[in-house]
């Protein structure tokens, strides 16, 4: 039997977000189809998936990593503070974490 993983799915927030913000309503919309499909697929595979929308607060990411302690990150982040040029810095942030 394959190991079931804890997966943190990260995606873009459209405005400042909270650590455990509920995006149930948004995940039912056409604009959030990719995010919803990823979460559903991970659930069907038996993995424990949680999500975090990132807008402008890197400390939220640190807090979520500490609280959830995921085995894997699924990074759908394409921008930070509405700036697509900052997306690579999110990856750099993860690389610096232990």
N, C-alpha and C. Protein backbone atom coordinates (compact mmCIF):
# COMPACT_ATOMS: atom_id res chain seq x y z
N UNK A 1 0.84 -1.18 0.00
CA UNK A 1 0.00 0.00 0.00
C UNK A 1 0.89 1.25 0.00
N UNK A 2 0.54 2.22 -0.83
CA UNK A 2 1.33 3.44 -0.92
C UNK A 2 1.06 4.33 0.29
N UNK A 3 2.09 5.07 0.67
CA UNK A 3 1.98 5.98 1.80
C UNK A 3 1.04 7.14 1.47
N UNK A 4 0.17 7.44 2.39
CA UNK A 4 -0.72 8.60 2.24
C UNK A 4 0.04 9.81 2.76
N UNK A 5 0.02 10.88 1.98
CA UNK A 5 0.81 12.06 2.29
C UNK A 5 -0.04 13.21 2.80
N UNK A 6 0.61 14.08 3.54
CA UNK A 6 0.01 15.36 3.92
C UNK A 6 0.50 16.36 2.88
N UNK A 7 -0.43 16.94 2.14
CA UNK A 7 -0.09 17.83 1.03
C UNK A 7 -0.65 19.22 1.30
N UNK A 8 0.22 20.21 1.20
CA UNK A 8 -0.22 21.60 1.31
C UNK A 8 -0.30 22.18 -0.09
N UNK A 9 -1.51 22.56 -0.49
CA UNK A 9 -1.75 23.14 -1.81
C UNK A 9 -1.75 24.66 -1.65
N UNK A 10 -0.83 25.29 -2.36
CA UNK A 10 -0.68 26.74 -2.30
C UNK A 10 -1.17 27.36 -3.59
N UNK A 11 -1.93 28.44 -3.47
CA UNK A 11 -2.41 29.12 -4.67
C UNK A 11 -2.53 30.61 -4.39
N UNK A 12 -2.81 31.36 -5.43
CA UNK A 12 -2.89 32.82 -5.33
C UNK A 12 -4.13 33.26 -4.57
N UNK A 13 -3.93 34.21 -3.66
CA UNK A 13 -5.04 34.89 -3.03
C UNK A 13 -5.31 36.18 -3.80
N UNK A 14 -6.55 36.57 -3.89
CA UNK A 14 -6.89 37.79 -4.61
C UNK A 14 -6.88 39.01 -3.70
N UNK A 15 -6.75 38.77 -2.41
CA UNK A 15 -6.66 39.82 -1.41
C UNK A 15 -6.02 39.20 -0.17
N UNK A 16 -5.64 40.01 0.82
CA UNK A 16 -5.05 39.42 2.03
C UNK A 16 -5.94 38.32 2.62
N UNK A 17 -5.31 37.26 3.09
CA UNK A 17 -6.03 36.09 3.59
C UNK A 17 -5.64 35.78 5.02
N UNK A 18 -6.40 34.86 5.62
CA UNK A 18 -6.13 34.38 6.98
C UNK A 18 -5.56 32.97 6.88
N UNK A 19 -4.97 32.52 7.97
CA UNK A 19 -4.31 31.21 7.99
C UNK A 19 -5.26 30.07 7.61
N UNK A 20 -6.42 30.01 8.20
CA UNK A 20 -7.36 28.91 7.92
C UNK A 20 -8.64 29.43 7.27
N UNK A 21 -8.47 30.33 6.33
CA UNK A 21 -9.62 30.92 5.65
C UNK A 21 -10.37 29.85 4.85
N UNK A 22 -11.68 29.90 4.92
CA UNK A 22 -12.53 28.94 4.22
C UNK A 22 -12.80 29.43 2.79
N UNK A 23 -12.36 28.65 1.82
CA UNK A 23 -12.56 28.98 0.41
C UNK A 23 -13.56 28.05 -0.26
N UNK A 24 -14.43 27.43 0.52
CA UNK A 24 -15.41 26.49 -0.02
C UNK A 24 -16.24 27.13 -1.13
N UNK A 25 -16.71 28.33 -0.90
CA UNK A 25 -17.53 29.03 -1.89
C UNK A 25 -16.73 29.30 -3.17
N UNK A 26 -15.52 29.81 -3.02
CA UNK A 26 -14.68 30.13 -4.19
C UNK A 26 -14.31 28.88 -4.99
N UNK A 27 -14.05 27.79 -4.29
CA UNK A 27 -13.64 26.55 -4.96
C UNK A 27 -14.76 25.95 -5.82
N UNK A 28 -15.96 26.46 -5.69
CA UNK A 28 -17.07 26.00 -6.52
C UNK A 28 -17.24 26.83 -7.78
N UNK A 29 -16.41 27.86 -7.95
CA UNK A 29 -16.53 28.74 -9.11
C UNK A 29 -15.60 28.31 -10.24
N UNK A 30 -15.92 28.78 -11.41
CA UNK A 30 -15.13 28.48 -12.61
C UNK A 30 -13.69 29.00 -12.48
N UNK A 31 -13.53 30.17 -11.86
CA UNK A 31 -12.20 30.77 -11.71
C UNK A 31 -11.27 29.93 -10.83
N UNK A 32 -11.83 29.13 -9.97
CA UNK A 32 -11.03 28.34 -9.04
C UNK A 32 -11.06 26.84 -9.39
N UNK A 33 -11.38 26.52 -10.62
CA UNK A 33 -11.51 25.12 -11.04
C UNK A 33 -10.22 24.33 -10.85
N UNK A 34 -9.10 24.90 -11.23
CA UNK A 34 -7.82 24.19 -11.09
C UNK A 34 -7.56 23.83 -9.64
N UNK A 35 -7.71 24.81 -8.77
CA UNK A 35 -7.48 24.58 -7.35
C UNK A 35 -8.42 23.51 -6.80
N UNK A 36 -9.69 23.59 -7.18
CA UNK A 36 -10.68 22.61 -6.73
C UNK A 36 -10.35 21.22 -7.26
N UNK A 37 -9.94 21.13 -8.51
CA UNK A 37 -9.60 19.83 -9.10
C UNK A 37 -8.40 19.20 -8.41
N UNK A 38 -7.40 20.00 -8.09
CA UNK A 38 -6.22 19.48 -7.39
C UNK A 38 -6.61 18.96 -6.01
N UNK A 39 -7.38 19.75 -5.27
CA UNK A 39 -7.81 19.32 -3.93
C UNK A 39 -8.64 18.03 -4.01
N UNK A 40 -9.55 17.96 -4.98
CA UNK A 40 -10.39 16.77 -5.13
C UNK A 40 -9.56 15.54 -5.50
N UNK A 41 -8.63 15.71 -6.42
CA UNK A 41 -7.79 14.58 -6.85
C UNK A 41 -6.95 14.05 -5.69
N UNK A 42 -6.38 14.95 -4.92
CA UNK A 42 -5.58 14.51 -3.77
C UNK A 42 -6.44 13.75 -2.76
N UNK A 43 -7.65 14.24 -2.54
CA UNK A 43 -8.57 13.55 -1.63
C UNK A 43 -8.95 12.17 -2.13
N UNK A 44 -9.22 12.06 -3.43
CA UNK A 44 -9.58 10.76 -4.02
C UNK A 44 -8.44 9.76 -3.91
N UNK A 45 -7.21 10.26 -3.93
CA UNK A 45 -6.05 9.38 -3.80
C UNK A 45 -5.76 9.02 -2.34
N UNK A 46 -6.55 9.58 -1.43
CA UNK A 46 -6.41 9.25 -0.02
C UNK A 46 -5.45 10.13 0.75
N UNK A 47 -4.94 11.17 0.11
CA UNK A 47 -4.01 12.06 0.79
C UNK A 47 -4.78 13.08 1.63
N UNK A 48 -4.14 13.58 2.66
CA UNK A 48 -4.70 14.66 3.45
C UNK A 48 -4.22 15.97 2.85
N UNK A 49 -5.12 16.74 2.31
CA UNK A 49 -4.75 17.99 1.65
C UNK A 49 -5.36 19.18 2.36
N UNK A 50 -4.53 20.17 2.59
CA UNK A 50 -5.00 21.45 3.09
C UNK A 50 -4.52 22.50 2.11
N UNK A 51 -5.16 23.67 2.16
CA UNK A 51 -4.80 24.72 1.21
C UNK A 51 -4.44 26.01 1.92
N UNK A 52 -3.72 26.85 1.20
CA UNK A 52 -3.40 28.19 1.69
C UNK A 52 -3.32 29.11 0.49
N UNK A 53 -4.10 30.17 0.53
CA UNK A 53 -4.03 31.20 -0.51
C UNK A 53 -3.03 32.25 -0.06
N UNK A 54 -2.10 32.55 -0.94
CA UNK A 54 -1.04 33.50 -0.62
C UNK A 54 -1.30 34.80 -1.38
N UNK A 55 -1.30 35.90 -0.64
CA UNK A 55 -1.44 37.21 -1.30
C UNK A 55 -0.20 38.07 -1.01
N UNK A 56 0.01 38.42 0.26
CA UNK A 56 1.11 39.34 0.56
C UNK A 56 1.80 39.05 1.89
N UNK A 57 1.53 37.91 2.51
CA UNK A 57 2.05 37.64 3.85
C UNK A 57 2.80 36.30 3.88
N UNK A 58 4.12 36.38 3.78
CA UNK A 58 4.94 35.17 3.80
C UNK A 58 4.88 34.50 5.17
N UNK A 59 4.64 35.28 6.22
CA UNK A 59 4.57 34.68 7.55
C UNK A 59 3.41 33.70 7.67
N UNK A 60 2.33 33.92 6.94
CA UNK A 60 1.23 32.94 6.93
C UNK A 60 1.72 31.59 6.41
N UNK A 61 2.57 31.63 5.41
CA UNK A 61 3.12 30.40 4.85
C UNK A 61 3.95 29.69 5.91
N UNK A 62 4.80 30.43 6.60
CA UNK A 62 5.63 29.84 7.65
C UNK A 62 4.75 29.21 8.73
N UNK A 63 3.71 29.93 9.14
CA UNK A 63 2.80 29.42 10.17
C UNK A 63 2.11 28.14 9.72
N UNK A 64 1.66 28.11 8.47
CA UNK A 64 0.96 26.93 7.95
C UNK A 64 1.92 25.74 7.86
N UNK A 65 3.15 25.98 7.41
CA UNK A 65 4.14 24.91 7.34
C UNK A 65 4.39 24.33 8.73
N UNK A 66 4.47 25.18 9.72
CA UNK A 66 4.71 24.75 11.09
C UNK A 66 3.51 23.99 11.66
N UNK A 67 2.32 24.50 11.43
CA UNK A 67 1.11 23.89 12.00
C UNK A 67 0.73 22.57 11.31
N UNK A 68 0.82 22.52 10.00
CA UNK A 68 0.37 21.35 9.23
C UNK A 68 1.48 20.34 8.99
N UNK A 69 2.72 20.81 8.91
CA UNK A 69 3.90 19.95 8.67
C UNK A 69 3.67 19.01 7.48
N UNK A 70 3.48 19.57 6.28
CA UNK A 70 3.20 18.73 5.11
C UNK A 70 4.41 17.91 4.66
N UNK A 71 4.11 16.79 4.03
CA UNK A 71 5.16 15.98 3.40
C UNK A 71 5.53 16.58 2.05
N UNK A 72 4.55 17.19 1.40
CA UNK A 72 4.71 17.70 0.03
C UNK A 72 4.00 19.04 -0.10
N UNK A 73 4.59 19.93 -0.91
CA UNK A 73 3.93 21.18 -1.28
C UNK A 73 3.50 21.08 -2.73
N UNK A 74 2.27 21.47 -3.01
CA UNK A 74 1.77 21.54 -4.38
C UNK A 74 1.60 23.03 -4.66
N UNK A 75 2.54 23.58 -5.41
CA UNK A 75 2.61 25.03 -5.59
C UNK A 75 1.91 25.47 -6.87
N UNK A 76 0.78 26.16 -6.69
CA UNK A 76 0.06 26.76 -7.81
C UNK A 76 0.21 28.29 -7.82
N UNK A 77 1.10 28.81 -6.99
CA UNK A 77 1.28 30.25 -6.86
C UNK A 77 1.90 30.81 -8.14
N UNK A 78 1.26 31.84 -8.68
CA UNK A 78 1.75 32.48 -9.91
C UNK A 78 2.10 33.94 -9.70
N UNK A 79 1.87 34.46 -8.48
CA UNK A 79 2.18 35.86 -8.21
C UNK A 79 2.23 36.09 -6.71
N UNK A 80 2.74 37.23 -6.31
CA UNK A 80 2.77 37.65 -4.92
C UNK A 80 2.52 39.15 -4.92
N UNK A 81 1.58 39.61 -4.12
CA UNK A 81 1.15 41.01 -4.13
C UNK A 81 0.73 41.45 -5.53
N UNK A 82 0.05 40.55 -6.22
CA UNK A 82 -0.43 40.79 -7.59
C UNK A 82 0.70 41.06 -8.59
N UNK A 83 1.91 40.63 -8.27
CA UNK A 83 3.06 40.82 -9.16
C UNK A 83 3.58 39.46 -9.60
N UNK A 84 3.38 39.08 -10.87
CA UNK A 84 3.85 37.78 -11.35
C UNK A 84 5.37 37.62 -11.29
N UNK A 85 6.10 38.71 -11.23
CA UNK A 85 7.56 38.63 -11.15
C UNK A 85 8.06 38.08 -9.82
N UNK A 86 7.20 38.06 -8.81
CA UNK A 86 7.61 37.57 -7.49
C UNK A 86 7.35 36.08 -7.28
N UNK A 87 6.74 35.40 -8.24
CA UNK A 87 6.39 33.99 -8.02
C UNK A 87 7.60 33.13 -7.72
N UNK A 88 8.74 33.40 -8.34
CA UNK A 88 9.95 32.60 -8.10
C UNK A 88 10.45 32.76 -6.67
N UNK A 89 10.15 33.87 -6.04
CA UNK A 89 10.60 34.10 -4.67
C UNK A 89 9.87 33.20 -3.68
N UNK A 90 8.67 32.80 -4.01
CA UNK A 90 7.94 31.86 -3.15
C UNK A 90 8.69 30.53 -3.12
N UNK A 91 9.14 30.08 -4.27
CA UNK A 91 9.92 28.83 -4.34
C UNK A 91 11.21 28.99 -3.54
N UNK A 92 11.87 30.12 -3.67
CA UNK A 92 13.10 30.37 -2.90
C UNK A 92 12.82 30.31 -1.40
N UNK A 93 11.69 30.85 -0.98
CA UNK A 93 11.31 30.80 0.43
C UNK A 93 11.21 29.34 0.90
N UNK A 94 10.58 28.49 0.10
CA UNK A 94 10.45 27.07 0.48
C UNK A 94 11.81 26.39 0.54
N UNK A 95 12.68 26.71 -0.37
CA UNK A 95 14.00 26.10 -0.40
C UNK A 95 14.81 26.43 0.85
N UNK A 96 14.54 27.57 1.47
CA UNK A 96 15.27 27.98 2.67
C UNK A 96 14.72 27.36 3.94
N UNK A 97 13.54 26.76 3.88
CA UNK A 97 12.92 26.16 5.07
C UNK A 97 13.56 24.81 5.37
N UNK A 98 13.61 24.49 6.64
CA UNK A 98 14.17 23.19 7.04
C UNK A 98 13.08 22.23 7.39
